[in-house]
Protein backbone atom coordinates (compact mmCIF):
# COMPACT_ATOMS: atom_id res chain seq x y z
CA MET A 1 6.42 -58.59 -28.13
CA SER A 2 10.44 -59.08 -29.23
CA PHE A 3 11.95 -55.83 -31.49
CA ASP A 4 11.89 -56.76 -35.35
CA LYS A 5 14.73 -54.75 -36.86
CA GLU A 6 14.14 -55.91 -40.20
CA LYS A 7 10.37 -55.34 -40.09
CA MET A 8 11.10 -51.77 -38.41
CA LEU A 9 13.51 -50.89 -41.28
CA LYS A 10 11.44 -52.29 -44.24
CA LEU A 11 8.54 -50.10 -42.59
CA CYS A 12 10.70 -46.60 -42.22
CA ASN A 13 11.97 -46.99 -45.88
CA GLU A 14 8.37 -47.81 -47.34
CA TRP A 15 6.82 -45.01 -45.49
CA SER A 16 9.57 -42.95 -47.08
CA LYS A 17 8.60 -43.28 -50.79
CA ASN A 18 7.35 -39.98 -52.32
CA THR A 19 8.71 -38.04 -49.34
CA LEU A 20 11.35 -35.48 -48.32
CA MET A 21 13.09 -38.52 -47.38
CA GLU A 22 13.31 -40.22 -50.40
CA THR A 23 13.96 -36.89 -52.45
CA LEU A 24 17.14 -36.55 -49.98
CA GLU A 25 17.94 -40.28 -50.57
CA ILE A 26 17.59 -41.03 -46.91
CA GLU A 27 17.97 -44.62 -46.18
CA TYR A 28 17.21 -46.25 -42.84
CA THR A 29 19.98 -48.62 -42.39
CA ASP A 30 20.16 -50.26 -38.64
CA ALA A 31 17.71 -50.42 -35.88
CA GLY A 32 17.87 -51.51 -32.16
CA GLU A 33 15.37 -51.59 -29.71
CA ASP A 34 16.50 -47.76 -28.56
CA PHE A 35 18.02 -46.56 -31.69
CA LEU A 36 17.44 -45.88 -35.53
CA VAL A 37 20.23 -45.29 -38.17
CA ALA A 38 19.75 -43.61 -41.36
CA THR A 39 22.30 -42.47 -44.14
CA MET A 40 22.05 -39.56 -46.73
CA PRO A 41 24.58 -39.14 -49.41
CA VAL A 42 25.97 -35.39 -49.59
CA ASN A 43 26.53 -34.17 -53.06
CA SER A 44 24.99 -31.03 -54.88
CA ARG A 45 21.59 -31.99 -54.29
CA VAL A 46 22.16 -31.10 -50.49
CA HIS A 47 24.60 -28.63 -50.88
CA GLN A 48 24.50 -24.76 -49.81
CA PRO A 49 26.00 -22.25 -52.36
CA MET A 50 29.19 -22.75 -51.07
CA GLY A 51 29.45 -26.54 -52.06
CA LEU A 52 28.74 -27.63 -48.50
CA LEU A 53 26.52 -29.97 -46.96
CA HIS A 54 23.46 -27.41 -46.31
CA GLY A 55 22.60 -27.31 -42.61
CA GLY A 56 18.78 -27.63 -43.06
CA ALA A 57 19.47 -30.92 -45.50
CA SER A 58 21.24 -32.15 -41.74
CA VAL A 59 18.09 -30.86 -39.78
CA ALA A 60 15.92 -32.65 -42.25
CA LEU A 61 18.20 -36.23 -41.79
CA ALA A 62 17.71 -35.65 -37.89
CA GLU A 63 14.23 -34.94 -37.85
CA SER A 64 13.16 -37.90 -40.13
CA VAL A 65 15.31 -40.23 -38.29
CA GLY A 66 14.43 -39.39 -34.99
CA SER A 67 10.73 -39.38 -35.69
CA ALA A 68 10.88 -42.31 -37.40
CA ALA A 69 12.46 -43.60 -34.25
CA SER A 70 9.60 -42.68 -32.10
CA ILE A 71 7.34 -45.28 -33.98
CA MET A 72 9.35 -47.97 -32.48
CA PHE A 73 7.15 -47.05 -29.31
CA VAL A 74 4.32 -46.62 -30.37
CA ASN A 75 0.97 -48.19 -31.80
CA PRO A 76 1.34 -46.55 -35.00
CA GLU A 77 -2.72 -47.79 -35.78
CA LYS A 78 -3.65 -45.83 -32.61
CA GLN A 79 -0.94 -43.27 -32.56
CA GLU A 80 0.83 -40.54 -34.57
CA VAL A 81 4.18 -38.85 -33.92
CA ARG A 82 4.73 -35.04 -34.63
CA GLY A 83 8.26 -33.50 -34.16
CA ILE A 84 7.69 -30.32 -32.27
CA GLU A 85 10.94 -28.88 -31.65
CA ILE A 86 14.23 -29.38 -32.95
CA SER A 87 17.76 -27.96 -32.32
CA ALA A 88 21.32 -28.33 -34.09
CA ASN A 89 25.01 -27.56 -33.83
CA HIS A 90 26.97 -27.88 -36.90
CA VAL A 91 30.21 -28.69 -36.14
CA ARG A 92 32.11 -29.65 -38.99
CA SER A 93 31.57 -28.94 -42.91
CA LYS A 94 30.96 -32.10 -45.31
CA ARG A 95 31.51 -31.65 -49.34
CA GLU A 96 30.94 -35.02 -50.61
CA GLY A 97 30.51 -38.52 -49.17
CA ILE A 98 27.59 -40.13 -46.83
CA VAL A 99 26.73 -38.85 -43.53
CA THR A 100 25.35 -41.33 -41.16
CA ALA A 101 22.32 -40.16 -38.60
CA THR A 102 22.08 -42.21 -35.14
CA ALA A 103 18.97 -41.33 -33.27
CA LYS A 104 18.77 -42.61 -29.40
CA ILE A 105 16.25 -42.22 -27.00
CA ILE A 106 16.76 -39.82 -24.20
CA HIS A 107 13.48 -39.42 -22.57
CA LYS A 108 10.31 -41.99 -23.70
CA GLY A 109 7.06 -40.76 -21.86
CA ALA A 110 3.83 -41.37 -22.87
CA SER A 111 3.06 -38.11 -24.57
CA ILE A 112 6.79 -36.71 -25.54
CA HIS A 113 10.06 -38.76 -26.78
CA LEU A 114 13.41 -37.04 -26.54
CA TRP A 115 16.17 -37.92 -28.72
CA GLU A 116 19.69 -37.46 -29.36
CA ILE A 117 20.67 -37.54 -33.23
CA LYS A 118 24.22 -37.68 -33.95
CA ILE A 119 25.45 -37.26 -37.39
CA VAL A 120 28.79 -38.19 -38.41
CA ASP A 121 31.29 -38.67 -41.55
CA GLU A 122 32.49 -41.64 -42.92
CA ASN A 123 35.30 -41.61 -40.29
CA GLU A 124 32.82 -41.17 -37.30
CA LYS A 125 33.75 -37.49 -37.39
CA LEU A 126 30.76 -35.63 -35.75
CA ILE A 127 29.06 -33.27 -38.47
CA SER A 128 26.12 -32.07 -36.43
CA LEU A 129 24.35 -32.86 -32.95
CA CYS A 130 21.03 -32.31 -32.83
CA LYS A 131 18.09 -32.73 -30.35
CA LEU A 132 14.53 -33.49 -31.18
CA THR A 133 11.28 -33.58 -29.25
CA ASN A 134 8.39 -35.66 -30.58
CA MET A 135 4.80 -35.16 -29.43
CA ILE A 136 2.89 -38.48 -29.13
CA LEU A 137 -0.66 -37.78 -30.23
CA PRO A 138 -4.36 -39.82 -30.70
CA SER A 139 -4.15 -41.15 -34.86
CA LYS A 140 -6.75 -39.19 -37.10
CA GLY A 141 -5.95 -41.81 -39.84
CA ARG A 142 -3.70 -41.28 -42.90
C-alpha cells in the first residue's frame, strides 16, 4: 500500500477538531513515509509571563506531531497510540511568528515508536529538540 500524503494530513487535521491541537492552532502541513510536519503560531495565547513561547506549548506541539506520526505505522481501526515519555531541550526563545515541528522516526517497533521532533522558527533556527516514545496498544474504540 502506498503512502497517501493528502489523506494523512486530512486525517490529522480532522482529528484535531475540539482538542488541544485546535486550541493551540496546530496545523499539519506536510507528511512523508517517515516524517510528519505541523506548525503553530507564536502569540500571546502560547506565551509564558515574560512574553516568550511557553516550553509547555512547544512540548504540546512536539507530542501532537509525534503521536500523530505514529498513526502512519498502525491500523487505527485496531490499534491506538499513547505517548509514554517525552523530553525537550529548549535552546532558543521565540516571541512571535510561526514554529514548525518535524517528527522523524528513530525506531519503529511493533509496540514502541521512538521519534525525534525538531521545532524551528521561520529561519530554520532550532527552538526545541524533543524525543517522544509512543506505545502501540490494541484499540478499545473511541
